[in-house]
Amino acid sequence: MEALTNRSKAVDRRPMTVWEKMYLPVIAKGMGTTLKHFFMKKPTINYPEETRPFSPVFRGLHVLNRDEEGRERCTACGLCAVACPAEAITMEAAERKEGEENLYREEKYAARYEINMLRCIFCGLCEEACPKDAIYLSETFTPSNFTRQSFIYGKPDLLIPDPVKEPELYQKAKGERAKKN
């Protein structure tokens, strides 16, 4: 019967020579490989002190955006939650009350907004689905933690700082990508 691929090799059955029995050529070849890697540049990065450059399309932590006056952009339409394939976004809508015009842009706002970062696959569909540009994926990556509950980010964790009250923190939270646009 003929083989389907031409990957088969005939086994060499002749007896080993004395030189081959000592395994010196194989050991020398292995040591050469080790020495070659010993003098190469190491791919390891000392993380907190050094950071590696990320791709321009890197998707990090989610951020709930504000407008220029410091009001929340989210209108609790639910399109981000519907677009999320991992079902990581949970929200509850509420009506704006008298005197809260400086807090929310529209009559409806997200009273509760949570993202389960353990379920999130960082696909960016929530960002694309949002008609008000209320959510975007920043250039910050998810920090490590020891408990599962700490990976469920609520609205206070996601909301960007107020640009009127804290302009420096607001610009830092926007990131480099926002400055280029």
N, C-alpha and C. Protein backbone atom coordinates (compact mmCIF):
# COMPACT_ATOMS: atom_id res chain seq x y z
N MET A 1 0.83 -1.18 0.00
CA MET A 1 0.00 0.00 0.00
C MET A 1 0.88 1.24 0.00
N GLU A 2 0.51 2.22 -0.79
CA GLU A 2 1.31 3.43 -0.94
C GLU A 2 0.91 4.45 0.13
N ALA A 3 1.91 5.18 0.65
CA ALA A 3 1.67 6.18 1.70
C ALA A 3 0.95 7.39 1.11
N LEU A 4 0.12 8.03 1.94
CA LEU A 4 -0.60 9.22 1.48
C LEU A 4 0.33 10.44 1.38
N THR A 5 1.32 10.51 2.26
CA THR A 5 2.28 11.62 2.22
C THR A 5 3.67 11.07 1.99
N ASN A 6 4.56 11.93 1.61
CA ASN A 6 5.95 11.51 1.40
C ASN A 6 6.82 11.87 2.60
N ARG A 7 6.25 11.83 3.79
CA ARG A 7 6.98 12.19 4.99
C ARG A 7 7.70 11.01 5.64
N SER A 8 7.42 9.84 5.21
CA SER A 8 8.04 8.66 5.84
C SER A 8 9.51 8.58 5.46
N LYS A 9 10.31 8.15 6.42
CA LYS A 9 11.75 7.99 6.19
C LYS A 9 12.15 6.57 6.56
N ALA A 10 13.07 6.05 5.83
CA ALA A 10 13.57 4.70 6.12
C ALA A 10 14.45 4.75 7.36
N VAL A 11 14.31 3.78 8.24
CA VAL A 11 15.09 3.71 9.47
C VAL A 11 16.45 3.11 9.15
N ASP A 12 17.51 3.78 9.64
CA ASP A 12 18.88 3.31 9.44
C ASP A 12 19.19 2.27 10.51
N ARG A 13 19.40 1.01 10.10
CA ARG A 13 19.59 -0.10 11.04
C ARG A 13 21.07 -0.50 11.21
N ARG A 14 22.00 0.22 10.63
CA ARG A 14 23.40 -0.18 10.76
C ARG A 14 23.88 0.10 12.19
N PRO A 15 24.84 -0.65 12.69
CA PRO A 15 25.33 -0.46 14.07
C PRO A 15 26.06 0.88 14.22
N MET A 16 26.00 1.44 15.45
CA MET A 16 26.64 2.73 15.72
C MET A 16 28.15 2.56 15.81
N THR A 17 28.86 3.58 15.38
CA THR A 17 30.31 3.58 15.50
C THR A 17 30.68 3.97 16.93
N VAL A 18 31.97 3.83 17.26
CA VAL A 18 32.45 4.18 18.60
C VAL A 18 32.23 5.68 18.85
N TRP A 19 32.50 6.50 17.86
CA TRP A 19 32.33 7.95 17.97
C TRP A 19 30.86 8.29 18.25
N GLU A 20 29.94 7.61 17.59
CA GLU A 20 28.52 7.85 17.79
C GLU A 20 28.05 7.34 19.16
N LYS A 21 28.67 6.26 19.66
CA LYS A 21 28.30 5.72 20.96
C LYS A 21 28.68 6.65 22.10
N MET A 22 29.70 7.48 21.90
CA MET A 22 30.13 8.42 22.95
C MET A 22 29.23 9.67 22.99
N TYR A 23 28.43 9.87 21.99
CA TYR A 23 27.49 11.00 21.90
C TYR A 23 28.17 12.37 21.93
N LEU A 24 29.46 12.44 21.69
CA LEU A 24 30.16 13.73 21.73
C LEU A 24 29.68 14.71 20.65
N PRO A 25 29.47 14.29 19.42
CA PRO A 25 29.00 15.28 18.44
C PRO A 25 27.62 15.86 18.81
N VAL A 26 26.76 15.02 19.34
CA VAL A 26 25.42 15.48 19.70
C VAL A 26 25.49 16.43 20.90
N ILE A 27 26.34 16.11 21.87
CA ILE A 27 26.51 16.98 23.04
C ILE A 27 27.10 18.32 22.61
N ALA A 28 28.10 18.30 21.72
CA ALA A 28 28.71 19.54 21.23
C ALA A 28 27.68 20.39 20.48
N LYS A 29 26.85 19.74 19.70
CA LYS A 29 25.81 20.47 18.96
C LYS A 29 24.81 21.12 19.94
N GLY A 30 24.42 20.40 20.99
CA GLY A 30 23.51 20.94 22.00
C GLY A 30 24.13 22.09 22.76
N MET A 31 25.40 21.99 23.11
CA MET A 31 26.09 23.08 23.80
C MET A 31 26.22 24.31 22.91
N GLY A 32 26.41 24.08 21.61
CA GLY A 32 26.46 25.21 20.68
C GLY A 32 25.14 25.96 20.63
N THR A 33 24.05 25.22 20.64
CA THR A 33 22.73 25.85 20.66
C THR A 33 22.54 26.65 21.95
N THR A 34 22.96 26.08 23.07
CA THR A 34 22.84 26.76 24.36
C THR A 34 23.66 28.04 24.37
N LEU A 35 24.90 27.99 23.91
CA LEU A 35 25.75 29.18 23.87
C LEU A 35 25.20 30.23 22.92
N LYS A 36 24.63 29.80 21.83
CA LYS A 36 24.04 30.76 20.89
C LYS A 36 22.91 31.54 21.58
N HIS A 37 22.05 30.85 22.32
CA HIS A 37 20.95 31.51 23.01
C HIS A 37 21.42 32.32 24.22
N PHE A 38 22.54 31.94 24.79
CA PHE A 38 23.08 32.65 25.95
C PHE A 38 23.46 34.08 25.60
N PHE A 39 23.95 34.31 24.39
CA PHE A 39 24.40 35.64 23.99
C PHE A 39 23.35 36.43 23.20
N MET A 40 22.19 35.85 22.99
CA MET A 40 21.12 36.58 22.28
C MET A 40 20.43 37.55 23.23
N LYS A 41 19.75 38.55 22.65
CA LYS A 41 18.99 39.51 23.45
C LYS A 41 17.79 38.78 24.06
N LYS A 42 17.57 39.03 25.34
CA LYS A 42 16.51 38.33 26.04
C LYS A 42 15.15 38.95 25.73
N PRO A 43 14.13 38.13 25.46
CA PRO A 43 12.80 38.67 25.14
C PRO A 43 12.01 39.10 26.37
N THR A 44 12.53 38.83 27.56
CA THR A 44 11.80 39.15 28.78
C THR A 44 11.83 40.65 29.03
N ILE A 45 10.71 41.17 29.51
CA ILE A 45 10.61 42.58 29.87
C ILE A 45 10.36 42.67 31.36
N ASN A 46 11.10 43.52 32.06
CA ASN A 46 10.89 43.73 33.49
C ASN A 46 9.67 44.62 33.64
N TYR A 47 8.50 43.99 33.82
CA TYR A 47 7.22 44.65 33.60
C TYR A 47 6.99 45.98 34.32
N PRO A 48 6.99 46.07 35.60
CA PRO A 48 6.55 47.39 36.10
C PRO A 48 7.49 48.52 35.70
N GLU A 49 8.77 48.21 35.59
CA GLU A 49 9.74 49.26 35.22
C GLU A 49 9.70 49.55 33.73
N GLU A 50 9.51 48.53 32.91
CA GLU A 50 9.49 48.69 31.46
C GLU A 50 8.13 48.24 30.92
N THR A 51 7.68 48.89 29.89
CA THR A 51 6.47 48.45 29.21
C THR A 51 6.77 48.27 27.74
N ARG A 52 6.13 47.30 27.14
CA ARG A 52 6.36 47.06 25.72
C ARG A 52 5.40 47.91 24.91
N PRO A 53 5.77 48.28 23.71
CA PRO A 53 4.85 49.07 22.88
C PRO A 53 3.69 48.20 22.40
N PHE A 54 2.50 48.74 22.47
CA PHE A 54 1.32 48.02 22.03
C PHE A 54 0.97 48.40 20.60
N SER A 55 0.20 47.57 19.99
CA SER A 55 -0.29 47.81 18.64
C SER A 55 -1.23 49.01 18.65
N PRO A 56 -1.33 49.76 17.56
CA PRO A 56 -2.26 50.89 17.53
C PRO A 56 -3.73 50.47 17.64
N VAL A 57 -4.03 49.21 17.41
CA VAL A 57 -5.41 48.74 17.52
C VAL A 57 -5.63 47.94 18.81
N PHE A 58 -4.75 48.11 19.80
CA PHE A 58 -4.88 47.42 21.08
C PHE A 58 -6.16 47.84 21.78
N ARG A 59 -6.89 46.86 22.32
CA ARG A 59 -8.13 47.14 23.06
C ARG A 59 -7.91 46.77 24.51
N GLY A 60 -8.03 47.76 25.38
CA GLY A 60 -7.82 47.54 26.81
C GLY A 60 -9.11 47.66 27.60
N LEU A 61 -8.97 48.20 28.80
CA LEU A 61 -10.12 48.35 29.69
C LEU A 61 -11.18 49.27 29.11
N HIS A 62 -12.42 49.01 29.47
CA HIS A 62 -13.54 49.83 29.02
C HIS A 62 -13.58 51.14 29.82
N VAL A 63 -14.04 52.19 29.17
CA VAL A 63 -14.19 53.49 29.82
C VAL A 63 -15.54 54.05 29.41
N LEU A 64 -16.30 54.54 30.38
CA LEU A 64 -17.53 55.27 30.10
C LEU A 64 -17.18 56.73 29.94
N ASN A 65 -17.50 57.30 28.82
CA ASN A 65 -17.07 58.64 28.46
C ASN A 65 -18.02 59.71 28.98
N ARG A 66 -17.52 60.93 29.08
CA ARG A 66 -18.31 62.11 29.42
C ARG A 66 -18.20 63.10 28.26
N ASP A 67 -19.11 64.06 28.23
CA ASP A 67 -18.98 65.12 27.23
C ASP A 67 -18.09 66.23 27.78
N GLU A 68 -17.95 67.33 27.04
CA GLU A 68 -17.04 68.42 27.40
C GLU A 68 -17.48 69.14 28.67
N GLU A 69 -18.77 69.05 29.01
CA GLU A 69 -19.29 69.72 30.20
C GLU A 69 -19.26 68.80 31.42
N GLY A 70 -18.82 67.57 31.27
CA GLY A 70 -18.72 66.65 32.38
C GLY A 70 -19.93 65.77 32.59
N ARG A 71 -20.91 65.82 31.69
CA ARG A 71 -22.11 65.00 31.82
C ARG A 71 -21.86 63.62 31.21
N GLU A 72 -22.51 62.62 31.76
CA GLU A 72 -22.36 61.26 31.25
C GLU A 72 -23.02 61.15 29.88
N ARG A 73 -22.33 60.48 28.95
CA ARG A 73 -22.86 60.32 27.60
C ARG A 73 -23.85 59.16 27.47
N CYS A 74 -23.74 58.16 28.34
CA CYS A 74 -24.55 56.96 28.22
C CYS A 74 -26.03 57.26 28.42
N THR A 75 -26.85 56.81 27.47
CA THR A 75 -28.30 57.00 27.56
C THR A 75 -29.02 55.69 27.89
N ALA A 76 -28.30 54.67 28.27
CA ALA A 76 -28.85 53.38 28.66
C ALA A 76 -29.73 52.78 27.56
N CYS A 77 -29.29 52.91 26.33
CA CYS A 77 -30.06 52.34 25.21
C CYS A 77 -29.93 50.82 25.17
N GLY A 78 -28.84 50.29 25.70
CA GLY A 78 -28.65 48.85 25.77
C GLY A 78 -28.04 48.22 24.53
N LEU A 79 -27.65 49.03 23.55
CA LEU A 79 -27.06 48.47 22.33
C LEU A 79 -25.72 47.79 22.59
N CYS A 80 -24.95 48.32 23.54
CA CYS A 80 -23.67 47.69 23.85
C CYS A 80 -23.88 46.32 24.48
N ALA A 81 -24.87 46.20 25.35
CA ALA A 81 -25.15 44.92 25.99
C ALA A 81 -25.68 43.90 24.99
N VAL A 82 -26.47 44.36 24.02
CA VAL A 82 -27.01 43.46 22.99
C VAL A 82 -25.90 43.03 22.03
N ALA A 83 -24.97 43.92 21.73
CA ALA A 83 -23.90 43.62 20.78
C ALA A 83 -22.82 42.73 21.37
N CYS A 84 -22.73 42.67 22.68
CA CYS A 84 -21.67 41.90 23.34
C CYS A 84 -21.89 40.40 23.15
N PRO A 85 -21.00 39.70 22.43
CA PRO A 85 -21.19 38.26 22.20
C PRO A 85 -20.97 37.43 23.46
N ALA A 86 -20.21 37.96 24.42
CA ALA A 86 -19.94 37.22 25.65
C ALA A 86 -20.96 37.52 26.75
N GLU A 87 -21.88 38.42 26.48
CA GLU A 87 -22.89 38.85 27.44
C GLU A 87 -22.24 39.31 28.74
N ALA A 88 -21.23 40.15 28.63
CA ALA A 88 -20.48 40.62 29.78
C ALA A 88 -21.02 41.93 30.34
N ILE A 89 -21.89 42.61 29.62
CA ILE A 89 -22.38 43.93 30.04
C ILE A 89 -23.79 43.81 30.60
N THR A 90 -24.00 44.42 31.77
CA THR A 90 -25.30 44.46 32.41
C THR A 90 -25.61 45.92 32.72
N MET A 91 -26.85 46.34 32.42
CA MET A 91 -27.21 47.73 32.72
C MET A 91 -28.66 47.83 33.12
N GLU A 92 -28.96 48.87 33.89
CA GLU A 92 -30.33 49.21 34.26
C GLU A 92 -30.52 50.69 33.98
N ALA A 93 -31.61 51.03 33.34
CA ALA A 93 -31.88 52.42 32.99
C ALA A 93 -32.70 53.10 34.08
N ALA A 94 -32.59 54.42 34.14
CA ALA A 94 -33.38 55.22 35.07
C ALA A 94 -33.70 56.55 34.40
N GLU A 95 -34.72 57.23 34.89
CA GLU A 95 -35.12 58.54 34.36
C GLU A 95 -34.40 59.64 35.13
N ARG A 96 -33.97 60.67 34.43
CA ARG A 96 -33.33 61.82 35.05
C ARG A 96 -34.37 62.61 35.83
N LYS A 97 -33.99 63.07 37.04
CA LYS A 97 -34.90 63.85 37.88
C LYS A 97 -34.61 65.33 37.72
N GLU A 98 -35.48 66.15 38.27
CA GLU A 98 -35.29 67.61 38.24
C GLU A 98 -33.98 67.96 38.96
N GLY A 99 -33.20 68.83 38.36
CA GLY A 99 -31.94 69.28 38.95
C GLY A 99 -30.74 68.42 38.59
N GLU A 100 -30.93 67.37 37.82
CA GLU A 100 -29.81 66.50 37.43
C GLU A 100 -29.38 66.74 35.99
N GLU A 101 -29.74 67.88 35.43
CA GLU A 101 -29.39 68.19 34.04
C GLU A 101 -27.88 68.31 33.85
N ASN A 102 -27.17 68.70 34.93
CA ASN A 102 -25.71 68.84 34.81
C ASN A 102 -24.99 67.51 34.96
N LEU A 103 -25.72 66.42 35.32
CA LEU A 103 -25.10 65.11 35.48
C LEU A 103 -25.24 64.22 34.25
N TYR A 104 -26.42 64.30 33.59
CA TYR A 104 -26.72 63.40 32.47
C TYR A 104 -27.15 64.20 31.26
N ARG A 105 -26.74 63.76 30.09
CA ARG A 105 -27.06 64.45 28.84
C ARG A 105 -28.51 64.31 28.43
N GLU A 106 -29.04 63.12 28.55
CA GLU A 106 -30.39 62.81 28.07
C GLU A 106 -31.32 62.55 29.24
N GLU A 107 -32.59 62.30 28.91
CA GLU A 107 -33.58 62.03 29.96
C GLU A 107 -33.35 60.68 30.62
N LYS A 108 -32.81 59.72 29.87
CA LYS A 108 -32.50 58.40 30.41
C LYS A 108 -31.00 58.31 30.66
N TYR A 109 -30.64 57.57 31.70
CA TYR A 109 -29.23 57.33 31.99
C TYR A 109 -29.08 55.94 32.59
N ALA A 110 -27.87 55.47 32.63
CA ALA A 110 -27.59 54.14 33.18
C ALA A 110 -27.44 54.26 34.69
N ALA A 111 -28.44 53.79 35.43
CA ALA A 111 -28.36 53.81 36.89
C ALA A 111 -27.35 52.77 37.38
N ARG A 112 -27.34 51.62 36.73
CA ARG A 112 -26.37 50.56 37.04
C ARG A 112 -25.75 50.11 35.73
N TYR A 113 -24.42 50.09 35.69
CA TYR A 113 -23.69 49.66 34.50
C TYR A 113 -22.53 48.81 34.99
N GLU A 114 -22.51 47.55 34.61
CA GLU A 114 -21.44 46.64 35.04
C GLU A 114 -20.89 45.88 33.85
N ILE A 115 -19.57 45.65 33.90
CA ILE A 115 -18.91 44.81 32.90
C ILE A 115 -18.13 43.75 33.65
N ASN A 116 -18.40 42.50 33.32
CA ASN A 116 -17.68 41.38 33.89
C ASN A 116 -16.45 41.14 33.01
N MET A 117 -15.29 41.57 33.49
CA MET A 117 -14.07 41.49 32.69
C MET A 117 -13.57 40.05 32.53
N LEU A 118 -14.07 39.13 33.33
CA LEU A 118 -13.70 37.73 33.15
C LEU A 118 -14.42 37.12 31.95
N ARG A 119 -15.56 37.68 31.59
CA ARG A 119 -16.30 37.20 30.43
C ARG A 119 -15.93 37.97 29.17
N CYS A 120 -15.49 39.21 29.32
CA CYS A 120 -15.21 40.08 28.17
C CYS A 120 -14.11 39.48 27.29
N ILE A 121 -14.32 39.54 25.98
CA ILE A 121 -13.32 39.03 25.04
C ILE A 121 -12.62 40.17 24.29
N PHE A 122 -12.87 41.41 24.71
CA PHE A 122 -12.22 42.60 24.16
C PHE A 122 -12.36 42.67 22.65
N CYS A 123 -13.56 42.41 22.16
CA CYS A 123 -13.80 42.41 20.72
C CYS A 123 -14.06 43.82 20.19
N GLY A 124 -14.53 44.74 21.04
CA GLY A 124 -14.78 46.10 20.61
C GLY A 124 -16.16 46.32 20.00
N LEU A 125 -17.02 45.30 20.01
CA LEU A 125 -18.35 45.46 19.43
C LEU A 125 -19.21 46.43 20.25
N CYS A 126 -18.99 46.50 21.55
CA CYS A 126 -19.75 47.45 22.38
C CYS A 126 -19.40 48.88 21.98
N GLU A 127 -18.15 49.11 21.69
CA GLU A 127 -17.68 50.43 21.27
C GLU A 127 -18.29 50.82 19.92
N GLU A 128 -18.37 49.86 19.01
CA GLU A 128 -18.93 50.13 17.69
C GLU A 128 -20.44 50.31 17.73
N ALA A 129 -21.11 49.63 18.66
CA ALA A 129 -22.57 49.68 18.71
C ALA A 129 -23.09 50.95 19.36
N CYS A 130 -22.30 51.61 20.16
CA CYS A 130 -22.76 52.77 20.92
C CYS A 130 -22.98 53.97 20.00
N PRO A 131 -24.22 54.49 19.92
CA PRO A 131 -24.49 55.64 19.04
C PRO A 131 -24.02 56.97 19.63
N LYS A 132 -23.75 57.03 20.92
CA LYS A 132 -23.37 58.27 21.59
C LYS A 132 -21.89 58.35 21.93
N ASP A 133 -21.08 57.40 21.48
CA ASP A 133 -19.66 57.31 21.83
C ASP A 133 -19.46 57.35 23.35
N ALA A 134 -20.33 56.66 24.05
CA ALA A 134 -20.28 56.66 25.50
C ALA A 134 -19.29 55.65 26.05
N ILE A 135 -18.99 54.61 25.31
CA ILE A 135 -18.06 53.59 25.79
C ILE A 135 -16.96 53.40 24.76
N TYR A 136 -15.75 53.27 25.24
CA TYR A 136 -14.65 52.92 24.35
C TYR A 136 -13.64 52.10 25.12
N LEU A 137 -12.82 51.39 24.39
CA LEU A 137 -11.79 50.55 25.00
C LEU A 137 -10.50 51.35 25.03
N SER A 138 -9.97 51.56 26.21
CA SER A 138 -8.80 52.41 26.40
C SER A 138 -7.51 51.65 26.10
N GLU A 139 -6.39 52.28 26.39
CA GLU A 139 -5.09 51.67 26.16
C GLU A 139 -4.51 51.06 27.44
N THR A 140 -5.35 50.89 28.45
CA THR A 140 -4.93 50.29 29.72
C THR A 140 -5.36 48.84 29.74
N PHE A 141 -4.48 47.94 30.15
CA PHE A 141 -4.89 46.54 30.19
C PHE A 141 -5.34 46.16 31.60
N THR A 142 -6.09 45.09 31.68
CA THR A 142 -6.71 44.66 32.93
C THR A 142 -5.66 44.24 33.94
N PRO A 143 -5.69 44.84 35.13
CA PRO A 143 -4.73 44.43 36.15
C PRO A 143 -5.07 43.06 36.72
N SER A 144 -4.08 42.41 37.28
CA SER A 144 -4.33 41.10 37.90
C SER A 144 -4.90 41.28 39.29
N ASN A 145 -5.59 40.27 39.77
CA ASN A 145 -6.18 40.32 41.09
C ASN A 145 -6.39 38.91 41.59
N PHE A 146 -6.77 38.78 42.85
CA PHE A 146 -6.92 37.47 43.46
C PHE A 146 -8.36 37.00 43.57
N THR A 147 -9.32 37.90 43.47
CA THR A 147 -10.71 37.51 43.63
C THR A 147 -11.49 37.74 42.35
N ARG A 148 -12.47 36.91 42.11
CA ARG A 148 -13.30 37.03 40.91
C ARG A 148 -14.18 38.27 41.00
N GLN A 149 -14.65 38.60 42.18
CA GLN A 149 -15.57 39.72 42.35
C GLN A 149 -14.91 41.05 41.97
N SER A 150 -13.61 41.15 42.12
CA SER A 150 -12.93 42.41 41.79
C SER A 150 -12.82 42.64 40.29
N PHE A 151 -13.17 41.65 39.48
CA PHE A 151 -13.15 41.82 38.03
C PHE A 151 -14.51 42.25 37.46
N ILE A 152 -15.47 42.47 38.30
CA ILE A 152 -16.75 43.02 37.86
C ILE A 152 -16.70 44.51 38.13
N TYR A 153 -16.53 45.28 37.06
CA TYR A 153 -16.39 46.73 37.18
C TYR A 153 -17.75 47.40 37.10
N GLY A 154 -18.02 48.23 38.09
CA GLY A 154 -19.26 48.98 38.12
C GLY A 154 -19.09 50.34 37.47
N LYS A 155 -20.15 51.10 37.49
CA LYS A 155 -20.14 52.42 36.86
C LYS A 155 -19.09 53.35 37.47
N PRO A 156 -18.91 53.39 38.79
CA PRO A 156 -17.85 54.27 39.34
C PRO A 156 -16.45 53.89 38.87
N ASP A 157 -16.22 52.60 38.63
CA ASP A 157 -14.90 52.15 38.17
C ASP A 157 -14.66 52.50 36.71
N LEU A 158 -15.73 52.52 35.92
CA LEU A 158 -15.61 52.71 34.48
C LEU A 158 -15.68 54.17 34.04
N LEU A 159 -16.32 55.00 34.83
CA LEU A 159 -16.57 56.39 34.41
C LEU A 159 -15.28 57.19 34.38
N ILE A 160 -15.06 57.89 33.30
CA ILE A 160 -13.86 58.71 33.11
C ILE A 160 -13.95 59.93 34.05
N PRO A 161 -12.82 60.48 34.52
CA PRO A 161 -12.88 61.66 35.38
C PRO A 161 -13.54 62.85 34.69
N ASP A 162 -14.10 63.73 35.50
CA ASP A 162 -14.81 64.91 35.01
C ASP A 162 -13.81 65.88 34.34
N PRO A 163 -14.03 66.26 33.07
CA PRO A 163 -13.07 67.15 32.39
C PRO A 163 -13.07 68.56 32.94
N VAL A 164 -14.14 68.98 33.59
CA VAL A 164 -14.21 70.33 34.15
C VAL A 164 -13.47 70.38 35.49
N LYS A 165 -13.70 69.38 36.34
CA LYS A 165 -13.11 69.38 37.68
C LYS A 165 -11.69 68.82 37.70
N GLU A 166 -11.41 67.80 36.87
CA GLU A 166 -10.11 67.14 36.87
C GLU A 166 -9.57 67.01 35.45
N PRO A 167 -9.13 68.11 34.82
CA PRO A 167 -8.71 68.03 33.40
C PRO A 167 -7.47 67.17 33.17
N GLU A 168 -6.53 67.13 34.13
CA GLU A 168 -5.32 66.33 33.94
C GLU A 168 -5.66 64.83 33.95
N LEU A 169 -6.47 64.42 34.91
CA LEU A 169 -6.87 63.02 34.97
C LEU A 169 -7.73 62.63 33.78
N TYR A 170 -8.53 63.57 33.29
CA TYR A 170 -9.37 63.32 32.13
C TYR A 170 -8.51 63.05 30.90
N GLN A 171 -7.49 63.89 30.66
CA GLN A 171 -6.60 63.70 29.50
C GLN A 171 -5.80 62.41 29.62
N LYS A 172 -5.38 62.07 30.84
CA LYS A 172 -4.63 60.83 31.05
C LYS A 172 -5.52 59.63 30.76
N ALA A 173 -6.78 59.69 31.19
CA ALA A 173 -7.71 58.59 30.97
C ALA A 173 -8.08 58.45 29.49
N LYS A 174 -8.11 59.55 28.75
CA LYS A 174 -8.41 59.49 27.31
C LYS A 174 -7.35 58.72 26.56
N GLY A 175 -6.08 58.87 26.98
CA GLY A 175 -4.99 58.10 26.37
C GLY A 175 -4.41 58.77 25.15
N GLU A 176 -3.39 58.16 24.61
CA GLU A 176 -2.67 58.68 23.46
C GLU A 176 -3.50 58.60 22.18
N ARG A 177 -4.30 57.56 22.03
CA ARG A 177 -5.07 57.37 20.82
C ARG A 177 -6.07 58.51 20.62
N ALA A 178 -6.66 59.01 21.71
CA ALA A 178 -7.63 60.08 21.62
C ALA A 178 -6.96 61.39 21.22
N LYS A 179 -5.70 61.58 21.61
CA LYS A 179 -4.99 62.81 21.25
C LYS A 179 -4.70 62.87 19.75
N LYS A 180 -4.50 61.70 19.14
CA LYS A 180 -4.17 61.65 17.70
C LYS A 180 -5.39 61.94 16.84
N ASN A 181 -6.60 61.59 17.34
CA ASN A 181 -7.82 61.77 16.54
C ASN A 181 -8.29 63.19 16.53
